[in-house]
């Protein structure tokens, strides 16, 4: 797999739909967006003392595929990101 391709949900979805025989070559890693969201929520919980459910994590991105990845994540039940703010 091309390094960094797992970070692009559009590439992963393309492989799943058009080239399913290549799915075994995609590393089962969390995307950088998911890891950053998990770490941000954890730090906010430690800093504020609030429970995780009361902390919102938002991702700012020009990529429409990130919006879809948060709404319908691949390989996980629920995204660590609460919403994506799309910018151009």
PDB file of N, CA and C in Angstrom:
ATOM      1  N   UNK A   1       0.838  -1.186   0.000  1.00  0.00           N
ATOM      2  CA  UNK A   1       0.000   0.000   0.000  1.00  0.00           C
ATOM      3  C   UNK A   1       0.876   1.240   0.000  1.00  0.00           C
ATOM      4  N   UNK A   2       0.443   2.259  -0.650  1.00  0.00           N
ATOM      5  CA  UNK A   2       1.174   3.515  -0.714  1.00  0.00           C
ATOM      6  C   UNK A   2       1.154   4.161   0.671  1.00  0.00           C
ATOM      7  N   UNK A   3       2.313   4.580   1.216  1.00  0.00           N
ATOM      8  CA  UNK A   3       2.329   5.217   2.530  1.00  0.00           C
ATOM      9  C   UNK A   3       1.375   6.408   2.562  1.00  0.00           C
ATOM     10  N   UNK A   4       0.613   6.496   3.617  1.00  0.00           N
ATOM     11  CA  UNK A   4      -0.313   7.608   3.771  1.00  0.00           C
ATOM     12  C   UNK A   4      -1.661   7.390   3.118  1.00  0.00           C
ATOM     13  N   UNK A   5      -1.807   6.359   2.289  1.00  0.00           N
ATOM     14  CA  UNK A   5      -3.077   6.144   1.607  1.00  0.00           C
ATOM     15  C   UNK A   5      -4.187   5.836   2.601  1.00  0.00           C
ATOM     16  N   UNK A   6      -3.870   5.208   3.729  1.00  0.00           N
ATOM     17  CA  UNK A   6      -4.893   4.911   4.725  1.00  0.00           C
ATOM     18  C   UNK A   6      -5.474   6.197   5.294  1.00  0.00           C
ATOM     19  N   UNK A   7      -4.709   7.260   5.244  1.00  0.00           N
ATOM     20  CA  UNK A   7      -5.201   8.534   5.754  1.00  0.00           C
ATOM     21  C   UNK A   7      -6.282   9.119   4.853  1.00  0.00           C
ATOM     22  N   UNK A   8      -6.401   8.641   3.624  1.00  0.00           N
ATOM     23  CA  UNK A   8      -7.392   9.163   2.683  1.00  0.00           C
ATOM     24  C   UNK A   8      -8.580   8.208   2.594  1.00  0.00           C
ATOM     25  N   UNK A   9      -9.713   8.587   3.173  1.00  0.00           N
ATOM     26  CA  UNK A   9     -10.869   7.709   3.134  1.00  0.00           C
ATOM     27  C   UNK A   9     -11.397   7.481   1.719  1.00  0.00           C
ATOM     28  N   UNK A  10     -11.182   8.436   0.808  1.00  0.00           N
ATOM     29  CA  UNK A  10     -11.641   8.259  -0.565  1.00  0.00           C
ATOM     30  C   UNK A  10     -10.892   7.118  -1.250  1.00  0.00           C
ATOM     31  N   UNK A  11      -9.586   7.028  -0.981  1.00  0.00           N
ATOM     32  CA  UNK A  11      -8.783   5.951  -1.568  1.00  0.00           C
ATOM     33  C   UNK A  11      -9.211   4.600  -1.003  1.00  0.00           C
ATOM     34  N   UNK A  12      -9.439   4.553   0.297  1.00  0.00           N
ATOM     35  CA  UNK A  12      -9.849   3.290   0.924  1.00  0.00           C
ATOM     36  C   UNK A  12     -11.204   2.846   0.388  1.00  0.00           C
ATOM     37  N   UNK A  13     -12.144   3.766   0.257  1.00  0.00           N
ATOM     38  CA  UNK A  13     -13.469   3.417  -0.286  1.00  0.00           C
ATOM     39  C   UNK A  13     -13.372   2.983  -1.746  1.00  0.00           C
ATOM     40  N   UNK A  14     -12.521   3.645  -2.524  1.00  0.00           N
ATOM     41  CA  UNK A  14     -12.318   3.259  -3.916  1.00  0.00           C
ATOM     42  C   UNK A  14     -11.807   1.823  -3.993  1.00  0.00           C
ATOM     43  N   UNK A  15     -10.839   1.481  -3.164  1.00  0.00           N
ATOM     44  CA  UNK A  15     -10.298   0.120  -3.156  1.00  0.00           C
ATOM     45  C   UNK A  15     -11.386  -0.872  -2.778  1.00  0.00           C
ATOM     46  N   UNK A  16     -12.175  -0.555  -1.758  1.00  0.00           N
ATOM     47  CA  UNK A  16     -13.235  -1.471  -1.312  1.00  0.00           C
ATOM     48  C   UNK A  16     -14.270  -1.722  -2.404  1.00  0.00           C
ATOM     49  N   UNK A  17     -14.612  -0.676  -3.165  1.00  0.00           N
ATOM     50  CA  UNK A  17     -15.670  -0.796  -4.173  1.00  0.00           C
ATOM     51  C   UNK A  17     -15.155  -1.333  -5.510  1.00  0.00           C
ATOM     52  N   UNK A  18     -14.062  -0.776  -6.002  1.00  0.00           N
ATOM     53  CA  UNK A  18     -13.591  -1.106  -7.344  1.00  0.00           C
ATOM     54  C   UNK A  18     -12.537  -2.200  -7.385  1.00  0.00           C
ATOM     55  N   UNK A  19     -11.762  -2.345  -6.316  1.00  0.00           N
ATOM     56  CA  UNK A  19     -10.660  -3.312  -6.297  1.00  0.00           C
ATOM     57  C   UNK A  19     -10.666  -4.126  -5.003  1.00  0.00           C
ATOM     58  N   UNK A  20     -11.751  -4.835  -4.703  1.00  0.00           N
ATOM     59  CA  UNK A  20     -11.856  -5.548  -3.420  1.00  0.00           C
ATOM     60  C   UNK A  20     -10.750  -6.575  -3.194  1.00  0.00           C
ATOM     61  N   UNK A  21     -10.156  -7.077  -4.246  1.00  0.00           N
ATOM     62  CA  UNK A  21      -9.077  -8.051  -4.072  1.00  0.00           C
ATOM     63  C   UNK A  21      -7.829  -7.416  -3.442  1.00  0.00           C
ATOM     64  N   UNK A  22      -7.757  -6.093  -3.452  1.00  0.00           N
ATOM     65  CA  UNK A  22      -6.608  -5.390  -2.874  1.00  0.00           C
ATOM     66  C   UNK A  22      -6.826  -5.003  -1.407  1.00  0.00           C
ATOM     67  N   UNK A  23      -8.009  -5.256  -0.865  1.00  0.00           N
ATOM     68  CA  UNK A  23      -8.315  -4.853   0.515  1.00  0.00           C
ATOM     69  C   UNK A  23      -7.328  -5.421   1.528  1.00  0.00           C
ATOM     70  N   UNK A  24      -6.835  -6.602   1.280  1.00  0.00           N
ATOM     71  CA  UNK A  24      -5.900  -7.210   2.234  1.00  0.00           C
ATOM     72  C   UNK A  24      -4.565  -6.465   2.288  1.00  0.00           C
ATOM     73  N   UNK A  25      -4.321  -5.579   1.326  1.00  0.00           N
ATOM     74  CA  UNK A  25      -3.073  -4.811   1.298  1.00  0.00           C
ATOM     75  C   UNK A  25      -3.180  -3.467   2.027  1.00  0.00           C
ATOM     76  N   UNK A  26      -4.389  -3.128   2.469  1.00  0.00           N
ATOM     77  CA  UNK A  26      -4.594  -1.881   3.206  1.00  0.00           C
ATOM     78  C   UNK A  26      -4.346  -2.166   4.680  1.00  0.00           C
ATOM     79  N   UNK A  27      -3.457  -1.413   5.280  1.00  0.00           N
ATOM     80  CA  UNK A  27      -3.128  -1.616   6.686  1.00  0.00           C
ATOM     81  C   UNK A  27      -4.305  -1.256   7.588  1.00  0.00           C
ATOM     82  N   UNK A  28      -4.599  -2.071   8.579  1.00  0.00           N
ATOM     83  CA  UNK A  28      -5.718  -1.790   9.482  1.00  0.00           C
ATOM     84  C   UNK A  28      -5.319  -0.799  10.583  1.00  0.00           C
ATOM     85  N   UNK A  29      -4.996   0.412  10.174  1.00  0.00           N
ATOM     86  CA  UNK A  29      -4.563   1.444  11.114  1.00  0.00           C
ATOM     87  C   UNK A  29      -5.624   2.529  11.217  1.00  0.00           C
ATOM     88  N   UNK A  30      -5.680   3.164  12.363  1.00  0.00           N
ATOM     89  CA  UNK A  30      -6.555   4.320  12.497  1.00  0.00           C
ATOM     90  C   UNK A  30      -5.939   5.475  11.723  1.00  0.00           C
ATOM     91  N   UNK A  31      -6.797   6.305  11.154  1.00  0.00           N
ATOM     92  CA  UNK A  31      -6.299   7.453  10.398  1.00  0.00           C
ATOM     93  C   UNK A  31      -5.713   8.481  11.365  1.00  0.00           C
ATOM     94  N   UNK A  32      -4.826   9.342  10.870  1.00  0.00           N
ATOM     95  CA  UNK A  32      -4.270  10.397  11.722  1.00  0.00           C
ATOM     96  C   UNK A  32      -5.363  11.275  12.331  1.00  0.00           C
ATOM     97  N   UNK A  33      -6.440  11.509  11.600  1.00  0.00           N
ATOM     98  CA  UNK A  33      -7.552  12.308  12.113  1.00  0.00           C
ATOM     99  C   UNK A  33      -8.172  11.638  13.341  1.00  0.00           C
ATOM    100  N   UNK A  34      -8.378  10.320  13.281  1.00  0.00           N
ATOM    101  CA  UNK A  34      -8.974   9.586  14.398  1.00  0.00           C
ATOM    102  C   UNK A  34      -8.049   9.570  15.618  1.00  0.00           C
ATOM    103  N   UNK A  35      -6.771   9.362  15.384  1.00  0.00           N
ATOM    104  CA  UNK A  35      -5.807   9.335  16.494  1.00  0.00           C
ATOM    105  C   UNK A  35      -5.727  10.713  17.149  1.00  0.00           C
ATOM    106  N   UNK A  36      -5.686  11.774  16.338  1.00  0.00           N
ATOM    107  CA  UNK A  36      -5.622  13.135  16.880  1.00  0.00           C
ATOM    108  C   UNK A  36      -6.881  13.448  17.689  1.00  0.00           C
ATOM    109  N   UNK A  37      -8.029  13.014  17.203  1.00  0.00           N
ATOM    110  CA  UNK A  37      -9.286  13.252  17.926  1.00  0.00           C
ATOM    111  C   UNK A  37      -9.296  12.518  19.262  1.00  0.00           C
ATOM    112  N   UNK A  38      -8.825  11.289  19.264  1.00  0.00           N
ATOM    113  CA  UNK A  38      -8.774  10.496  20.484  1.00  0.00           C
ATOM    114  C   UNK A  38      -7.855  11.168  21.519  1.00  0.00           C
ATOM    115  N   UNK A  39      -6.686  11.610  21.069  1.00  0.00           N
ATOM    116  CA  UNK A  39      -5.734  12.266  21.966  1.00  0.00           C
ATOM    117  C   UNK A  39      -6.263  13.614  22.459  1.00  0.00           C
ATOM    118  N   UNK A  40      -6.922  14.365  21.587  1.00  0.00           N
ATOM    119  CA  UNK A  40      -7.470  15.668  21.978  1.00  0.00           C
ATOM    120  C   UNK A  40      -8.566  15.499  23.031  1.00  0.00           C
ATOM    121  N   UNK A  41      -9.436  14.513  22.831  1.00  0.00           N
ATOM    122  CA  UNK A  41     -10.509  14.281  23.802  1.00  0.00           C
ATOM    123  C   UNK A  41      -9.919  13.849  25.151  1.00  0.00           C
ATOM    124  N   UNK A  42      -8.942  12.967  25.100  1.00  0.00           N
ATOM    125  CA  UNK A  42      -8.298  12.499  26.331  1.00  0.00           C
ATOM    126  C   UNK A  42      -7.659  13.661  27.090  1.00  0.00           C
ATOM    127  N   UNK A  43      -6.938  14.528  26.364  1.00  0.00           N
ATOM    128  CA  UNK A  43      -6.292  15.676  27.013  1.00  0.00           C
ATOM    129  C   UNK A  43      -7.333  16.627  27.592  1.00  0.00           C
ATOM    130  N   UNK A  44      -8.416  16.858  26.852  1.00  0.00           N
ATOM    131  CA  UNK A  44      -9.477  17.743  27.353  1.00  0.00           C
ATOM    132  C   UNK A  44     -10.128  17.156  28.602  1.00  0.00           C
ATOM    133  N   UNK A  45     -10.292  15.842  28.639  1.00  0.00           N
ATOM    134  CA  UNK A  45     -10.857  15.184  29.820  1.00  0.00           C
ATOM    135  C   UNK A  45      -9.936  15.379  31.028  1.00  0.00           C
ATOM    136  N   UNK A  46      -8.642  15.216  30.812  1.00  0.00           N
ATOM    137  CA  UNK A  46      -7.675  15.378  31.901  1.00  0.00           C
ATOM    138  C   UNK A  46      -7.605  16.825  32.387  1.00  0.00           C
ATOM    139  N   UNK A  47      -7.684  17.761  31.448  1.00  0.00           N
ATOM    140  CA  UNK A  47      -7.556  19.175  31.780  1.00  0.00           C
ATOM    141  C   UNK A  47      -8.800  19.725  32.467  1.00  0.00           C
ATOM    142  N   UNK A  48      -9.979  19.341  31.957  1.00  0.00           N
ATOM    143  CA  UNK A  48     -11.228  19.927  32.460  1.00  0.00           C
ATOM    144  C   UNK A  48     -11.920  19.074  33.514  1.00  0.00           C
ATOM    145  N   UNK A  49     -11.645  17.790  33.530  1.00  0.00           N
ATOM    146  CA  UNK A  49     -12.346  16.896  34.443  1.00  0.00           C
ATOM    147  C   UNK A  49     -13.716  16.479  33.941  1.00  0.00           C
ATOM    148  N   UNK A  50     -14.070  16.917  32.735  1.00  0.00           N
ATOM    149  CA  UNK A  50     -15.362  16.550  32.145  1.00  0.00           C
ATOM    150  C   UNK A  50     -15.314  15.124  31.595  1.00  0.00           C
ATOM    151  N   UNK A  51     -16.461  14.448  31.539  1.00  0.00           N
ATOM    152  CA  UNK A  51     -16.483  13.144  30.887  1.00  0.00           C
ATOM    153  C   UNK A  51     -16.369  13.321  29.369  1.00  0.00           C
ATOM    154  N   UNK A  52     -15.865  12.305  28.688  1.00  0.00           N
ATOM    155  CA  UNK A  52     -15.648  12.370  27.248  1.00  0.00           C
ATOM    156  C   UNK A  52     -16.888  12.710  26.449  1.00  0.00           C
ATOM    157  N   UNK A  53     -18.056  12.254  26.914  1.00  0.00           N
ATOM    158  CA  UNK A  53     -19.299  12.501  26.173  1.00  0.00           C
ATOM    159  C   UNK A  53     -19.692  13.987  26.177  1.00  0.00           C
ATOM    160  N   UNK A  54     -19.126  14.762  27.111  1.00  0.00           N
ATOM    161  CA  UNK A  54     -19.439  16.187  27.202  1.00  0.00           C
ATOM    162  C   UNK A  54     -18.418  17.068  26.479  1.00  0.00           C
ATOM    163  N   UNK A  55     -17.491  16.459  25.776  1.00  0.00           N
ATOM    164  CA  UNK A  55     -16.445  17.200  25.057  1.00  0.00           C
ATOM    165  C   UNK A  55     -16.625  16.965  23.560  1.00  0.00           C
ATOM    166  N   UNK A  56     -16.727  18.051  22.822  1.00  0.00           N
ATOM    167  CA  UNK A  56     -16.861  17.949  21.369  1.00  0.00           C
ATOM    168  C   UNK A  56     -15.503  18.041  20.695  1.00  0.00           C
ATOM    169  N   UNK A  57     -15.290  17.184  19.706  1.00  0.00           N
ATOM    170  CA  UNK A  57     -14.047  17.207  18.928  1.00  0.00           C
ATOM    171  C   UNK A  57     -14.436  17.478  17.478  1.00  0.00           C
ATOM    172  N   UNK A  58     -13.905  18.556  16.925  1.00  0.00           N
ATOM    173  CA  UNK A  58     -14.236  18.968  15.567  1.00  0.00           C
ATOM    174  C   UNK A  58     -12.967  19.003  14.723  1.00  0.00           C
ATOM    175  N   UNK A  59     -13.104  18.629  13.459  1.00  0.00           N
ATOM    176  CA  UNK A  59     -11.978  18.569  12.532  1.00  0.00           C
ATOM    177  C   UNK A  59     -12.236  19.567  11.414  1.00  0.00           C
ATOM    178  N   UNK A  60     -11.277  20.422  11.123  1.00  0.00           N
ATOM    179  CA  UNK A  60     -11.403  21.401  10.046  1.00  0.00           C
ATOM    180  C   UNK A  60     -10.650  20.862   8.846  1.00  0.00           C
ATOM    181  N   UNK A  61     -11.347  20.733   7.704  1.00  0.00           N
ATOM    182  CA  UNK A  61     -10.723  20.111   6.538  1.00  0.00           C
ATOM    183  C   UNK A  61     -11.325  20.629   5.238  1.00  0.00           C
ATOM    184  N   UNK A  62     -10.502  20.766   4.203  1.00  0.00           N
ATOM    185  CA  UNK A  62     -11.030  21.101   2.882  1.00  0.00           C
ATOM    186  C   UNK A  62     -11.502  19.856   2.124  1.00  0.00           C
ATOM    187  N   UNK A  63     -11.357  18.690   2.728  1.00  0.00           N
ATOM    188  CA  UNK A  63     -11.634  17.426   2.036  1.00  0.00           C
ATOM    189  C   UNK A  63     -13.036  16.902   2.359  1.00  0.00           C
ATOM    190  N   UNK A  64     -13.879  16.795   1.358  1.00  0.00           N
ATOM    191  CA  UNK A  64     -15.242  16.293   1.556  1.00  0.00           C
ATOM    192  C   UNK A  64     -15.248  14.832   1.998  1.00  0.00           C
ATOM    193  N   UNK A  65     -14.224  14.078   1.630  1.00  0.00           N
ATOM    194  CA  UNK A  65     -14.168  12.664   2.022  1.00  0.00           C
ATOM    195  C   UNK A  65     -14.030  12.512   3.536  1.00  0.00           C
ATOM    196  N   UNK A  66     -13.439  13.485   4.204  1.00  0.00           N
ATOM    197  CA  UNK A  66     -13.313  13.424   5.672  1.00  0.00           C
ATOM    198  C   UNK A  66     -14.688  13.536   6.330  1.00  0.00           C
ATOM    199  N   UNK A  67     -15.581  14.330   5.736  1.00  0.00           N
ATOM    200  CA  UNK A  67     -16.942  14.457   6.256  1.00  0.00           C
ATOM    201  C   UNK A  67     -17.628  13.097   6.213  1.00  0.00           C
ATOM    202  N   UNK A  68     -17.521  12.419   5.087  1.00  0.00           N
ATOM    203  CA  UNK A  68     -18.109  11.089   4.940  1.00  0.00           C
ATOM    204  C   UNK A  68     -17.464  10.099   5.889  1.00  0.00           C
ATOM    205  N   UNK A  69     -16.162  10.200   6.064  1.00  0.00           N
ATOM    206  CA  UNK A  69     -15.439   9.273   6.935  1.00  0.00           C
ATOM    207  C   UNK A  69     -15.894   9.398   8.388  1.00  0.00           C
ATOM    208  N   UNK A  70     -16.276  10.595   8.813  1.00  0.00           N
ATOM    209  CA  UNK A  70     -16.769  10.784  10.176  1.00  0.00           C
ATOM    210  C   UNK A  70     -18.201  10.265  10.301  1.00  0.00           C
ATOM    211  N   UNK A  71     -19.015  10.522   9.288  1.00  0.00           N
ATOM    212  CA  UNK A  71     -20.420  10.081   9.331  1.00  0.00           C
ATOM    213  C   UNK A  71     -20.555   8.573   9.169  1.00  0.00           C
ATOM    214  N   UNK A  72     -19.751   7.994   8.283  1.00  0.00           N
ATOM    215  CA  UNK A  72     -19.783   6.545   8.018  1.00  0.00           C
ATOM    216  C   UNK A  72     -18.344   6.035   8.046  1.00  0.00           C
ATOM    217  N   UNK A  73     -17.790   5.839   9.237  1.00  0.00           N
ATOM    218  CA  UNK A  73     -16.380   5.443   9.333  1.00  0.00           C
ATOM    219  C   UNK A  73     -16.130   4.025   8.818  1.00  0.00           C
ATOM    220  N   UNK A  74     -14.916   3.800   8.361  1.00  0.00           N
ATOM    221  CA  UNK A  74     -14.506   2.493   7.848  1.00  0.00           C
ATOM    222  C   UNK A  74     -13.710   1.779   8.941  1.00  0.00           C
ATOM    223  N   UNK A  75     -14.131   0.598   9.298  1.00  0.00           N
ATOM    224  CA  UNK A  75     -13.365  -0.213  10.233  1.00  0.00           C
ATOM    225  C   UNK A  75     -13.595   0.064  11.713  1.00  0.00           C
ATOM    226  N   UNK A  76     -14.408   1.068  12.037  1.00  0.00           N
ATOM    227  CA  UNK A  76     -14.748   1.357  13.430  1.00  0.00           C
ATOM    228  C   UNK A  76     -16.243   1.642  13.513  1.00  0.00           C
ATOM    229  N   UNK A  77     -16.811   1.444  14.688  1.00  0.00           N
ATOM    230  CA  UNK A  77     -18.253   1.659  14.851  1.00  0.00           C
ATOM    231  C   UNK A  77     -18.630   3.138  14.847  1.00  0.00           C
ATOM    232  N   UNK A  78     -17.838   3.948  15.540  1.00  0.00           N
ATOM    233  CA  UNK A  78     -18.128   5.373  15.658  1.00  0.00           C
ATOM    234  C   UNK A  78     -16.813   6.145  15.621  1.00  0.00           C
ATOM    235  N   UNK A  79     -16.844   7.256  14.905  1.00  0.00           N
ATOM    236  CA  UNK A  79     -15.664   8.111  14.808  1.00  0.00           C
ATOM    237  C   UNK A  79     -15.394   8.806  16.138  1.00  0.00           C
ATOM    238  N   UNK A  80     -14.135   9.104  16.416  1.00  0.00           N
ATOM    239  CA  UNK A  80     -13.744   9.896  17.575  1.00  0.00           C
ATOM    240  C   UNK A  80     -14.008  11.388  17.329  1.00  0.00           C
ATOM    241  N   UNK A  81     -14.265  11.742  16.083  1.00  0.00           N
ATOM    242  CA  UNK A  81     -14.549  13.118  15.690  1.00  0.00           C
ATOM    243  C   UNK A  81     -16.062  13.307  15.719  1.00  0.00           C
ATOM    244  N   UNK A  82     -16.533  14.395  16.333  1.00  0.00           N
ATOM    245  CA  UNK A  82     -17.966  14.652  16.415  1.00  0.00           C
ATOM    246  C   UNK A  82     -18.511  15.282  15.140  1.00  0.00           C
ATOM    247  N   UNK A  83     -17.709  16.118  14.493  1.00  0.00           N
ATOM    248  CA  UNK A  83     -18.154  16.772  13.254  1.00  0.00           C
ATOM    249  C   UNK A  83     -16.943  17.301  12.497  1.00  0.00           C
ATOM    250  N   UNK A  84     -17.127  17.477  11.203  1.00  0.00           N
ATOM    251  CA  UNK A  84     -16.077  18.060  10.350  1.00  0.00           C
ATOM    252  C   UNK A  84     -16.589  19.392   9.846  1.00  0.00           C
ATOM    253  N   UNK A  85     -15.769  20.408   9.963  1.00  0.00           N
ATOM    254  CA  UNK A  85     -16.095  21.716   9.418  1.00  0.00           C
ATOM    255  C   UNK A  85     -15.386  21.818   8.080  1.00  0.00           C
ATOM    256  N   UNK A  86     -16.167  21.816   7.005  1.00  0.00           N
ATOM    257  CA  UNK A  86     -15.603  21.847   5.660  1.00  0.00           C
ATOM    258  C   UNK A  86     -15.245  23.280   5.287  1.00  0.00           C
ATOM    259  N   UNK A  87     -14.055  23.448   4.754  1.00  0.00           N
ATOM    260  CA  UNK A  87     -13.606  24.755   4.296  1.00  0.00           C
ATOM    261  C   UNK A  87     -13.100  24.628   2.877  1.00  0.00           C
ATOM    262  N   UNK A  88     -13.018  25.735   2.180  1.00  0.00           N
ATOM    263  CA  UNK A  88     -12.460  25.689   0.825  1.00  0.00           C
ATOM    264  C   UNK A  88     -11.238  26.576   0.734  1.00  0.00           C
TER     265      UNK A  88
END
